[in-house]
Amino acid sequence: MKLNLKKNKKNLLPGRLLPGDTIGVISPAGPISEDETSFGLSLISERGFNIRRGRHLYQRNGYLAADDRSRLEDLHEMFLDPEVKAVLCARGGYGTMRLLGRIDFDIIRSHPKIIAGYSDITALLLSVFYKTGLVVFHGPMIRDCASSETDSMDGLLDLLQGISIPSVFPAGPVIRKGIAEGPLVGGNLTMICHLAGTPFMPSLDGCILFLEDRGEQLYRIDRMLTQLALGGHLKRIAGLVGGGFLDCGDAGAIRKMFAEVTSDSGVPVVSGLPVGHGRDNIALPVGVLAELDACRPGLRITGKWFKEQV
């Protein structure tokens, strides 16, 4: 049976990234040093892009990268700068949610462009998608790059240029068979739970939901999934995809939790999507139509994520 619950409003699409374009780099969450960004920025330069660093990128305010006002200024300035075509986040950590109530979403809506990140940046991505309809990108960040781990960043840059069309085959077992179609929405489980109940949480109705996390004990994952279920957020999803749960304990126990929280709806569920904090972090456009085939299994992007796409 093919489940299709998609009833989303029309997306706002960014422009495609082209060689010679300028990529802005900001850190809306934790602090980062020049050394931590050097390899990733070199990789981006070698791919033929110019780089514009946020004015406060290398500042430090305890566990935050600069104070809230400065981090917010970097975000707004990148969207207002006509030369910047994409905004990449340097790292996650903590602090993105502190900005949400002060973001000028009209600036983003009026100057739609690529924005990418994951982990704590999930809060920014999902709030931007919800408030503006802009397709955003869940993928690796600058600090993730190391001399031996460049595939994920190369994959992100390929996606942002439209070189590759995501067709991802989960590595883990199928939890419940079926086929579903809907907007692809998701990210870090912890951050999605923190967004729940705020005015920045998008509806998950009709969505193919993907989840990932890192360093959470099994009882905490159980509690967070239960929270989403009790809040009604999982009642009308079209399908569920488990990403990487690095250092979170027994993968089989997590798969069992996925089955339990979707038992009433009976939607397709798969695990092992190479997305999140692990070595492989496939870039995905958030908000675009996708098809989940939990029989093969596979996740295929079927919608547009750039305005230039036919």
C-alpha atoms as a PDB file:
ATOM      1  CA  MET A   1       0.000   0.000   0.000  1.00  0.00           C
ATOM      2  CA  LYS A   2       1.281   3.446  -0.912  1.00  0.00           C
ATOM      3  CA  LEU A   3       0.536   6.083   1.713  1.00  0.00           C
ATOM      4  CA  ASN A   4       0.354   9.690   0.520  1.00  0.00           C
ATOM      5  CA  LEU A   5      -0.641  12.418   2.965  1.00  0.00           C
ATOM      6  CA  LYS A   6       1.153  15.364   1.384  1.00  0.00           C
ATOM      7  CA  LYS A   7      -0.766  18.623   1.648  1.00  0.00           C
ATOM      8  CA  ASN A   8       2.032  21.122   2.123  1.00  0.00           C
ATOM      9  CA  LYS A   9       2.031  24.661   0.818  1.00  0.00           C
ATOM     10  CA  LYS A  10       4.252  25.497  -2.125  1.00  0.00           C
ATOM     11  CA  ASN A  11       7.923  25.660  -1.220  1.00  0.00           C
ATOM     12  CA  LEU A  12      10.194  28.652  -1.617  1.00  0.00           C
ATOM     13  CA  LEU A  13      13.206  27.443  -3.596  1.00  0.00           C
ATOM     14  CA  PRO A  14      16.765  28.803  -3.416  1.00  0.00           C
ATOM     15  CA  GLY A  15      18.996  29.244  -6.431  1.00  0.00           C
ATOM     16  CA  ARG A  16      21.496  26.638  -7.522  1.00  0.00           C
ATOM     17  CA  LEU A  17      25.125  27.065  -6.405  1.00  0.00           C
ATOM     18  CA  LEU A  18      27.541  27.703  -9.284  1.00  0.00           C
ATOM     19  CA  PRO A  19      31.352  27.618  -9.452  1.00  0.00           C
ATOM     20  CA  GLY A  20      32.711  31.038  -8.555  1.00  0.00           C
ATOM     21  CA  ASP A  21      29.804  31.791  -6.205  1.00  0.00           C
ATOM     22  CA  THR A  22      30.415  33.032  -2.677  1.00  0.00           C
ATOM     23  CA  ILE A  23      29.585  30.825   0.306  1.00  0.00           C
ATOM     24  CA  GLY A  24      29.044  32.488   3.673  1.00  0.00           C
ATOM     25  CA  VAL A  25      30.150  30.707   6.846  1.00  0.00           C
ATOM     26  CA  ILE A  26      28.591  31.382  10.253  1.00  0.00           C
ATOM     27  CA  SER A  27      28.355  29.685  13.642  1.00  0.00           C
ATOM     28  CA  PRO A  28      24.889  30.181  15.172  1.00  0.00           C
ATOM     29  CA  ALA A  29      25.684  27.787  18.023  1.00  0.00           C
ATOM     30  CA  GLY A  30      29.010  26.825  19.626  1.00  0.00           C
ATOM     31  CA  PRO A  31      32.416  28.522  19.282  1.00  0.00           C
ATOM     32  CA  ILE A  32      34.940  27.519  16.665  1.00  0.00           C
ATOM     33  CA  SER A  33      38.586  28.327  15.978  1.00  0.00           C
ATOM     34  CA  GLU A  34      40.378  29.132  12.736  1.00  0.00           C
ATOM     35  CA  ASP A  35      42.270  25.840  12.987  1.00  0.00           C
ATOM     36  CA  GLU A  36      38.998  23.909  13.150  1.00  0.00           C
ATOM     37  CA  THR A  37      37.742  25.524   9.953  1.00  0.00           C
ATOM     38  CA  SER A  38      40.960  25.561   7.923  1.00  0.00           C
ATOM     39  CA  PHE A  39      40.605  22.199   6.182  1.00  0.00           C
ATOM     40  CA  GLY A  40      36.915  22.562   5.414  1.00  0.00           C
ATOM     41  CA  LEU A  41      37.342  26.057   4.019  1.00  0.00           C
ATOM     42  CA  SER A  42      40.277  24.890   1.906  1.00  0.00           C
ATOM     43  CA  LEU A  43      38.122  22.110   0.489  1.00  0.00           C
ATOM     44  CA  ILE A  44      35.407  24.589  -0.456  1.00  0.00           C
ATOM     45  CA  SER A  45      37.962  26.902  -2.076  1.00  0.00           C
ATOM     46  CA  GLU A  46      39.420  24.008  -4.057  1.00  0.00           C
ATOM     47  CA  ARG A  47      35.946  23.307  -5.411  1.00  0.00           C
ATOM     48  CA  GLY A  48      35.971  26.775  -6.972  1.00  0.00           C
ATOM     49  CA  PHE A  49      33.957  28.793  -4.469  1.00  0.00           C
ATOM     50  CA  ASN A  50      34.735  32.044  -2.712  1.00  0.00           C
ATOM     51  CA  ILE A  51      34.317  32.240   1.061  1.00  0.00           C
ATOM     52  CA  ARG A  52      32.892  35.004   3.226  1.00  0.00           C
ATOM     53  CA  ARG A  53      33.310  34.527   6.960  1.00  0.00           C
ATOM     54  CA  GLY A  54      30.783  35.968   9.355  1.00  0.00           C
ATOM     55  CA  ARG A  55      32.140  39.013  11.190  1.00  0.00           C
ATOM     56  CA  HIS A  56      31.832  37.226  14.522  1.00  0.00           C
ATOM     57  CA  LEU A  57      32.693  33.702  13.343  1.00  0.00           C
ATOM     58  CA  TYR A  58      35.750  33.243  15.565  1.00  0.00           C
ATOM     59  CA  GLN A  59      34.507  35.041  18.653  1.00  0.00           C
ATOM     60  CA  ARG A  60      33.812  33.091  21.830  1.00  0.00           C
ATOM     61  CA  ASN A  61      31.280  33.680  24.572  1.00  0.00           C
ATOM     62  CA  GLY A  62      31.653  30.694  26.899  1.00  0.00           C
ATOM     63  CA  TYR A  63      29.875  27.762  25.255  1.00  0.00           C
ATOM     64  CA  LEU A  64      28.550  30.074  22.531  1.00  0.00           C
ATOM     65  CA  ALA A  65      30.144  31.538  19.420  1.00  0.00           C
ATOM     66  CA  ALA A  66      29.841  35.225  20.347  1.00  0.00           C
ATOM     67  CA  ASP A  67      26.785  36.703  22.065  1.00  0.00           C
ATOM     68  CA  ASP A  68      23.265  36.242  20.729  1.00  0.00           C
ATOM     69  CA  ARG A  69      23.158  39.621  19.015  1.00  0.00           C
ATOM     70  CA  SER A  70      26.417  39.029  17.155  1.00  0.00           C
ATOM     71  CA  ARG A  71      25.453  35.543  15.981  1.00  0.00           C
ATOM     72  CA  LEU A  72      22.114  36.897  14.820  1.00  0.00           C
ATOM     73  CA  GLU A  73      23.845  39.714  12.934  1.00  0.00           C
ATOM     74  CA  ASP A  74      25.997  37.202  11.071  1.00  0.00           C
ATOM     75  CA  LEU A  75      22.901  35.271   9.999  1.00  0.00           C
ATOM     76  CA  HIS A  76      21.010  38.351   8.821  1.00  0.00           C
ATOM     77  CA  GLU A  77      24.035  39.838   7.062  1.00  0.00           C
ATOM     78  CA  MET A  78      24.629  36.687   5.037  1.00  0.00           C
ATOM     79  CA  PHE A  79      21.057  36.684   3.765  1.00  0.00           C
ATOM     80  CA  LEU A  80      21.175  40.406   2.989  1.00  0.00           C
ATOM     81  CA  ASP A  81      24.499  40.176   1.138  1.00  0.00           C
ATOM     82  CA  PRO A  82      23.689  39.823  -2.592  1.00  0.00           C
ATOM     83  CA  GLU A  83      27.064  38.198  -3.298  1.00  0.00           C
ATOM     84  CA  VAL A  84      26.483  35.335  -0.862  1.00  0.00           C
ATOM     85  CA  LYS A  85      24.608  32.485  -2.542  1.00  0.00           C
ATOM     86  CA  ALA A  86      24.778  29.881   0.237  1.00  0.00           C
ATOM     87  CA  VAL A  87      25.144  29.933   4.023  1.00  0.00           C
ATOM     88  CA  LEU A  88      26.979  27.013   5.624  1.00  0.00           C
ATOM     89  CA  CYS A  89      27.198  26.541   9.377  1.00  0.00           C
ATOM     90  CA  ALA A  90      30.618  25.939  10.890  1.00  0.00           C
ATOM     91  CA  ARG A  91      29.497  23.643  13.709  1.00  0.00           C
ATOM     92  CA  GLY A  92      26.637  22.732  16.024  1.00  0.00           C
ATOM     93  CA  GLY A  93      26.850  22.495  19.796  1.00  0.00           C
ATOM     94  CA  TYR A  94      24.359  24.641  21.651  1.00  0.00           C
ATOM     95  CA  GLY A  95      22.748  28.045  21.271  1.00  0.00           C
ATOM     96  CA  THR A  96      20.762  28.077  18.040  1.00  0.00           C
ATOM     97  CA  MET A  97      17.404  28.071  19.819  1.00  0.00           C
ATOM     98  CA  ARG A  98      18.370  31.269  21.655  1.00  0.00           C
ATOM     99  CA  LEU A  99      18.173  33.091  18.314  1.00  0.00           C
ATOM    100  CA  LEU A 100      14.811  31.886  17.037  1.00  0.00           C
ATOM    101  CA  GLY A 101      12.636  34.507  18.715  1.00  0.00           C
ATOM    102  CA  ARG A 102      14.717  37.322  17.224  1.00  0.00           C
ATOM    103  CA  ILE A 103      15.285  36.115  13.672  1.00  0.00           C
ATOM    104  CA  ASP A 104      13.791  38.407  11.025  1.00  0.00           C
ATOM    105  CA  PHE A 105      12.192  35.752   8.863  1.00  0.00           C
ATOM    106  CA  ASP A 106      11.069  38.431   6.398  1.00  0.00           C
ATOM    107  CA  ILE A 107      14.739  38.960   5.505  1.00  0.00           C
ATOM    108  CA  ILE A 108      15.129  35.268   4.749  1.00  0.00           C
ATOM    109  CA  ARG A 109      11.850  35.090   2.845  1.00  0.00           C
ATOM    110  CA  SER A 110      12.810  38.114   0.736  1.00  0.00           C
ATOM    111  CA  HIS A 111      16.325  36.821   0.015  1.00  0.00           C
ATOM    112  CA  PRO A 112      15.941  33.047  -0.336  1.00  0.00           C
ATOM    113  CA  LYS A 113      19.223  31.212  -0.530  1.00  0.00           C
ATOM    114  CA  ILE A 114      20.814  27.941   0.490  1.00  0.00           C
ATOM    115  CA  ILE A 115      21.342  27.293   4.204  1.00  0.00           C
ATOM    116  CA  ALA A 116      22.818  24.039   5.493  1.00  0.00           C
ATOM    117  CA  GLY A 117      23.814  22.314   8.729  1.00  0.00           C
ATOM    118  CA  TYR A 118      22.606  19.669  11.195  1.00  0.00           C
ATOM    119  CA  SER A 119      22.644  18.733  14.892  1.00  0.00           C
ATOM    120  CA  ASP A 120      21.862  21.896  16.926  1.00  0.00           C
ATOM    121  CA  ILE A 121      21.332  23.692  13.598  1.00  0.00           C
ATOM    122  CA  THR A 122      18.184  21.567  13.164  1.00  0.00           C
ATOM    123  CA  ALA A 123      16.406  24.271  15.177  1.00  0.00           C
ATOM    124  CA  LEU A 124      17.377  26.912  12.619  1.00  0.00           C
ATOM    125  CA  LEU A 125      16.640  24.753   9.580  1.00  0.00           C
ATOM    126  CA  LEU A 126      13.173  23.682  10.679  1.00  0.00           C
ATOM    127  CA  SER A 127      12.163  27.133  11.916  1.00  0.00           C
ATOM    128  CA  VAL A 128      13.253  28.712   8.618  1.00  0.00           C
ATOM    129  CA  PHE A 129      11.358  26.062   6.666  1.00  0.00           C
ATOM    130  CA  TYR A 130       8.251  26.517   8.813  1.00  0.00           C
ATOM    131  CA  LYS A 131       8.243  30.319   8.876  1.00  0.00           C
ATOM    132  CA  THR A 132       9.214  30.955   5.247  1.00  0.00           C
ATOM    133  CA  GLY A 133       8.625  27.766   3.264  1.00  0.00           C
ATOM    134  CA  LEU A 134      12.268  27.873   2.128  1.00  0.00           C
ATOM    135  CA  VAL A 135      13.775  24.489   1.314  1.00  0.00           C
ATOM    136  CA  VAL A 136      16.779  23.992   3.620  1.00  0.00           C
ATOM    137  CA  PHE A 137      19.575  21.437   3.606  1.00  0.00           C
ATOM    138  CA  HIS A 138      20.480  18.909   6.290  1.00  0.00           C
ATOM    139  CA  GLY A 139      24.141  18.069   5.820  1.00  0.00           C
ATOM    140  CA  PRO A 140      27.736  18.288   7.031  1.00  0.00           C
ATOM    141  CA  MET A 141      29.323  21.375   8.540  1.00  0.00           C
ATOM    142  CA  ILE A 142      32.740  22.952   8.175  1.00  0.00           C
ATOM    143  CA  ARG A 143      34.243  21.444  11.336  1.00  0.00           C
ATOM    144  CA  ASP A 144      33.282  17.939  10.224  1.00  0.00           C
ATOM    145  CA  CYS A 145      35.901  18.000   7.492  1.00  0.00           C
ATOM    146  CA  ALA A 146      39.165  16.210   8.128  1.00  0.00           C
ATOM    147  CA  SER A 147      41.888  15.154   5.738  1.00  0.00           C
ATOM    148  CA  SER A 148      40.458  11.645   5.524  1.00  0.00           C
ATOM    149  CA  GLU A 149      36.748  12.536   5.704  1.00  0.00           C
ATOM    150  CA  THR A 150      35.758  14.730   2.777  1.00  0.00           C
ATOM    151  CA  ASP A 151      33.116  12.615   1.055  1.00  0.00           C
ATOM    152  CA  SER A 152      30.195  14.099   2.992  1.00  0.00           C
ATOM    153  CA  MET A 153      31.180  17.715   2.258  1.00  0.00           C
ATOM    154  CA  ASP A 154      31.823  16.865  -1.392  1.00  0.00           C
ATOM    155  CA  GLY A 155      28.380  15.289  -1.475  1.00  0.00           C
ATOM    156  CA  LEU A 156      26.809  18.422  -0.005  1.00  0.00           C
ATOM    157  CA  LEU A 157      28.503  20.652  -2.581  1.00  0.00           C
ATOM    158  CA  ASP A 158      27.411  18.288  -5.358  1.00  0.00           C
ATOM    159  CA  LEU A 159      23.821  18.457  -4.103  1.00  0.00           C
ATOM    160  CA  LEU A 160      23.902  22.252  -3.867  1.00  0.00           C
ATOM    161  CA  GLN A 161      25.086  22.446  -7.473  1.00  0.00           C
ATOM    162  CA  GLY A 162      22.500  19.955  -8.654  1.00  0.00           C
ATOM    163  CA  ILE A 163      25.207  17.517  -9.726  1.00  0.00           C
ATOM    164  CA  SER A 164      23.674  14.622  -7.810  1.00  0.00           C
ATOM    165  CA  ILE A 165      20.081  13.633  -7.104  1.00  0.00           C
ATOM    166  CA  PRO A 166      19.775  11.948  -3.701  1.00  0.00           C
ATOM    167  CA  SER A 167      18.734   8.311  -3.801  1.00  0.00           C
ATOM    168  CA  VAL A 168      19.660   6.911  -0.428  1.00  0.00           C
ATOM    169  CA  PHE A 169      19.484   3.277   0.570  1.00  0.00           C
ATOM    170  CA  PRO A 170      19.321   2.728   4.332  1.00  0.00           C
ATOM    171  CA  ALA A 171      21.903   0.320   5.678  1.00  0.00           C
ATOM    172  CA  GLY A 172      19.816  -1.023   8.534  1.00  0.00           C
ATOM    173  CA  PRO A 173      16.973  -3.547   8.590  1.00  0.00           C
ATOM    174  CA  VAL A 174      13.443  -2.754   7.469  1.00  0.00           C
ATOM    175  CA  ILE A 175      11.260  -2.293  10.536  1.00  0.00           C
ATOM    176  CA  ARG A 176       7.907  -2.164   8.753  1.00  0.00           C
ATOM    177  CA  LYS A 177       7.378  -2.603   5.017  1.00  0.00           C
ATOM    178  CA  GLY A 178       5.399  -0.245   2.834  1.00  0.00           C
ATOM    179  CA  ILE A 179       5.713   2.683   0.447  1.00  0.00           C
ATOM    180  CA  ALA A 180       5.063   6.311   1.332  1.00  0.00           C
ATOM    181  CA  GLU A 181       5.377   9.692  -0.337  1.00  0.00           C
ATOM    182  CA  GLY A 182       5.512  13.078   1.335  1.00  0.00           C
ATOM    183  CA  PRO A 183       7.711  16.046   2.154  1.00  0.00           C
ATOM    184  CA  LEU A 184      11.010  14.993   3.713  1.00  0.00           C
ATOM    185  CA  VAL A 185      11.360  16.647   7.130  1.00  0.00           C
ATOM    186  CA  GLY A 186      13.588  15.859  10.078  1.00  0.00           C
ATOM    187  CA  GLY A 187      16.919  16.212  11.763  1.00  0.00           C
ATOM    188  CA  ASN A 188      18.228  15.856  15.277  1.00  0.00           C
ATOM    189  CA  LEU A 189      15.758  14.101  17.580  1.00  0.00           C
ATOM    190  CA  THR A 190      16.712  16.140  20.642  1.00  0.00           C
ATOM    191  CA  MET A 191      16.267  19.448  18.818  1.00  0.00           C
ATOM    192  CA  ILE A 192      12.943  18.424  17.303  1.00  0.00           C
ATOM    193  CA  CYS A 193      11.681  17.579  20.791  1.00  0.00           C
ATOM    194  CA  HIS A 194      12.882  20.964  22.053  1.00  0.00           C
ATOM    195  CA  LEU A 195      11.036  22.701  19.200  1.00  0.00           C
ATOM    196  CA  ALA A 196       7.793  20.865  19.970  1.00  0.00           C
ATOM    197  CA  GLY A 197       5.368  23.220  21.678  1.00  0.00           C
ATOM    198  CA  THR A 198       7.107  26.342  20.362  1.00  0.00           C
ATOM    199  CA  PRO A 199       5.900  28.570  17.502  1.00  0.00           C
ATOM    200  CA  PHE A 200       8.817  27.319  15.389  1.00  0.00           C
ATOM    201  CA  MET A 201       7.836  23.660  15.057  1.00  0.00           C
ATOM    202  CA  PRO A 202       6.546  22.631  11.616  1.00  0.00           C
ATOM    203  CA  SER A 203       3.678  20.203  11.303  1.00  0.00           C
ATOM    204  CA  LEU A 204       4.830  16.672  10.595  1.00  0.00           C
ATOM    205  CA  ASP A 205       1.485  15.631   9.102  1.00  0.00           C
ATOM    206  CA  GLY A 206       2.031  13.793   5.843  1.00  0.00           C
ATOM    207  CA  CYS A 207       5.812  13.991   6.119  1.00  0.00           C
ATOM    208  CA  ILE A 208       8.478  11.364   5.775  1.00  0.00           C
ATOM    209  CA  LEU A 209      10.257  11.998   9.063  1.00  0.00           C
ATOM    210  CA  PHE A 210      13.963  11.258   9.475  1.00  0.00           C
ATOM    211  CA  LEU A 211      15.666  11.322  12.875  1.00  0.00           C
ATOM    212  CA  GLU A 212      19.267  11.143  14.098  1.00  0.00           C
ATOM    213  CA  ASP A 213      21.145  11.827  17.329  1.00  0.00           C
ATOM    214  CA  ARG A 214      24.383  11.315  19.188  1.00  0.00           C
ATOM    215  CA  GLY A 215      25.444  10.336  22.688  1.00  0.00           C
ATOM    216  CA  GLU A 216      21.944   9.875  24.103  1.00  0.00           C
ATOM    217  CA  GLN A 217      21.175   6.979  26.415  1.00  0.00           C
ATOM    218  CA  LEU A 218      18.439   4.586  25.372  1.00  0.00           C
ATOM    219  CA  TYR A 219      16.005   5.745  28.045  1.00  0.00           C
ATOM    220  CA  ARG A 220      16.349   9.322  26.802  1.00  0.00           C
ATOM    221  CA  ILE A 221      15.679   8.300  23.206  1.00  0.00           C
ATOM    222  CA  ASP A 222      12.651   6.356  24.444  1.00  0.00           C
ATOM    223  CA  ARG A 223      11.421   9.405  26.364  1.00  0.00           C
ATOM    224  CA  MET A 224      11.891  11.764  23.404  1.00  0.00           C
ATOM    225  CA  LEU A 225      10.102   9.481  20.959  1.00  0.00           C
ATOM    226  CA  THR A 226       7.313   9.034  23.499  1.00  0.00           C
ATOM    227  CA  GLN A 227       7.053  12.815  23.862  1.00  0.00           C
ATOM    228  CA  LEU A 228       6.615  13.226  20.113  1.00  0.00           C
ATOM    229  CA  ALA A 229       4.015  10.466  20.083  1.00  0.00           C
ATOM    230  CA  LEU A 230       2.058  11.874  23.041  1.00  0.00           C
ATOM    231  CA  GLY A 231       2.148  15.318  21.454  1.00  0.00           C
ATOM    232  CA  GLY A 232       0.447  13.951  18.356  1.00  0.00           C
ATOM    233  CA  HIS A 233       3.435  14.692  16.131  1.00  0.00           C
ATOM    234  CA  LEU A 234       3.746  11.099  14.899  1.00  0.00           C
ATOM    235  CA  LYS A 235       0.049  10.395  14.428  1.00  0.00           C
ATOM    236  CA  ARG A 236      -0.125  11.420  10.769  1.00  0.00           C
ATOM    237  CA  ILE A 237       3.421  11.048   9.471  1.00  0.00           C
ATOM    238  CA  ALA A 238       3.658   9.171   6.182  1.00  0.00           C
ATOM    239  CA  GLY A 239       6.793   7.245   7.121  1.00  0.00           C
ATOM    240  CA  LEU A 240       9.712   7.151   9.542  1.00  0.00           C
ATOM    241  CA  VAL A 241      13.406   6.804   8.718  1.00  0.00           C
ATOM    242  CA  GLY A 242      16.050   6.244  11.379  1.00  0.00           C
ATOM    243  CA  GLY A 243      19.397   7.884  10.689  1.00  0.00           C
ATOM    244  CA  GLY A 244      22.627   7.564  12.607  1.00  0.00           C
ATOM    245  CA  PHE A 245      22.392   7.188  16.377  1.00  0.00           C
ATOM    246  CA  LEU A 246      26.083   7.376  17.203  1.00  0.00           C
ATOM    247  CA  ASP A 247      27.080   6.259  20.716  1.00  0.00           C
ATOM    248  CA  CYS A 248      23.443   5.771  21.684  1.00  0.00           C
ATOM    249  CA  GLY A 249      23.571   2.123  22.674  1.00  0.00           C
ATOM    250  CA  ASP A 250      21.898  -0.922  21.173  1.00  0.00           C
ATOM    251  CA  ALA A 251      20.639  -0.206  17.650  1.00  0.00           C
ATOM    252  CA  GLY A 252      18.141  -3.036  17.939  1.00  0.00           C
ATOM    253  CA  ALA A 253      16.534  -1.387  20.960  1.00  0.00           C
ATOM    254  CA  ILE A 254      16.158   1.866  19.023  1.00  0.00           C
ATOM    255  CA  ARG A 255      14.537   0.041  16.117  1.00  0.00           C
ATOM    256  CA  LYS A 256      12.089  -1.500  18.566  1.00  0.00           C
ATOM    257  CA  MET A 257      11.215   1.992  19.842  1.00  0.00           C
ATOM    258  CA  PHE A 258      10.549   3.163  16.279  1.00  0.00           C
ATOM    259  CA  ALA A 259       8.185   0.238  15.803  1.00  0.00           C
ATOM    260  CA  GLU A 260       6.369   0.934  19.067  1.00  0.00           C
ATOM    261  CA  VAL A 261       5.734   4.647  18.512  1.00  0.00           C
ATOM    262  CA  THR A 262       4.333   3.995  15.018  1.00  0.00           C
ATOM    263  CA  SER A 263       2.353   0.861  15.839  1.00  0.00           C
ATOM    264  CA  ASP A 264      -1.026   2.627  15.738  1.00  0.00           C
ATOM    265  CA  SER A 265      -0.470   4.254  12.346  1.00  0.00           C
ATOM    266  CA  GLY A 266       1.306   1.290  10.756  1.00  0.00           C
ATOM    267  CA  VAL A 267       3.428   3.516   8.506  1.00  0.00           C
ATOM    268  CA  PRO A 268       6.570   2.266   6.732  1.00  0.00           C
ATOM    269  CA  VAL A 269       9.681   2.414   8.926  1.00  0.00           C
ATOM    270  CA  VAL A 270      13.319   1.783   8.022  1.00  0.00           C
ATOM    271  CA  SER A 271      16.611   2.345   9.828  1.00  0.00           C
ATOM    272  CA  GLY A 272      20.253   2.940   9.059  1.00  0.00           C
ATOM    273  CA  LEU A 273      19.985   6.044   6.864  1.00  0.00           C
ATOM    274  CA  PRO A 274      23.567   7.397   6.594  1.00  0.00           C
ATOM    275  CA  VAL A 275      22.620  10.789   8.004  1.00  0.00           C
ATOM    276  CA  GLY A 276      23.810  12.514  11.150  1.00  0.00           C
ATOM    277  CA  HIS A 277      26.843  12.433  13.422  1.00  0.00           C
ATOM    278  CA  GLY A 278      28.516   9.363  11.961  1.00  0.00           C
ATOM    279  CA  ARG A 279      31.310   9.235   9.409  1.00  0.00           C
ATOM    280  CA  ASP A 280      28.777   9.234   6.565  1.00  0.00           C
ATOM    281  CA  ASN A 281      26.412  12.199   6.590  1.00  0.00           C
ATOM    282  CA  ILE A 282      24.502  12.326   3.322  1.00  0.00           C
ATOM    283  CA  ALA A 283      23.110  15.772   2.491  1.00  0.00           C
ATOM    284  CA  LEU A 284      19.326  15.953   2.114  1.00  0.00           C
ATOM    285  CA  PRO A 285      16.983  18.771   1.042  1.00  0.00           C
ATOM    286  CA  VAL A 286      14.369  19.345   3.745  1.00  0.00           C
ATOM    287  CA  GLY A 287      10.822  20.130   2.698  1.00  0.00           C
ATOM    288  CA  VAL A 288      10.849  18.547  -0.766  1.00  0.00           C
ATOM    289  CA  LEU A 289       8.814  15.565  -1.868  1.00  0.00           C
ATOM    290  CA  ALA A 290      10.411  12.176  -1.387  1.00  0.00           C
ATOM    291  CA  GLU A 291       9.399   8.558  -1.714  1.00  0.00           C
ATOM    292  CA  LEU A 292      10.194   5.976   0.924  1.00  0.00           C
ATOM    293  CA  ASP A 293      10.209   2.403  -0.301  1.00  0.00           C
ATOM    294  CA  ALA A 294      10.477   0.249   2.796  1.00  0.00           C
ATOM    295  CA  CYS A 295      10.390  -2.914   0.733  1.00  0.00           C
ATOM    296  CA  ARG A 296      13.658  -2.580  -1.224  1.00  0.00           C
ATOM    297  CA  PRO A 297      14.432  -0.368   0.883  1.00  0.00           C
ATOM    298  CA  GLY A 298      15.300   3.113  -0.395  1.00  0.00           C
ATOM    299  CA  LEU A 299      14.646   6.827   0.009  1.00  0.00           C
ATOM    300  CA  ARG A 300      14.373   8.826  -3.214  1.00  0.00           C
ATOM    301  CA  ILE A 301      13.993  12.578  -3.653  1.00  0.00           C
ATOM    302  CA  THR A 302      11.231  13.268  -6.179  1.00  0.00           C
ATOM    303  CA  GLY A 303      10.609  16.999  -5.721  1.00  0.00           C
ATOM    304  CA  LYS A 304      12.502  20.148  -6.706  1.00  0.00           C
ATOM    305  CA  TRP A 305      15.017  21.787  -4.384  1.00  0.00           C
ATOM    306  CA  PHE A 306      16.195  24.574  -6.728  1.00  0.00           C
ATOM    307  CA  LYS A 307      14.176  27.092  -8.675  1.00  0.00           C
ATOM    308  CA  GLU A 308      16.208  26.300 -11.809  1.00  0.00           C
ATOM    309  CA  GLN A 309      15.066  22.676 -11.872  1.00  0.00           C
ATOM    310  CA  VAL A 310      12.570  21.757 -14.573  1.00  0.00           C
END
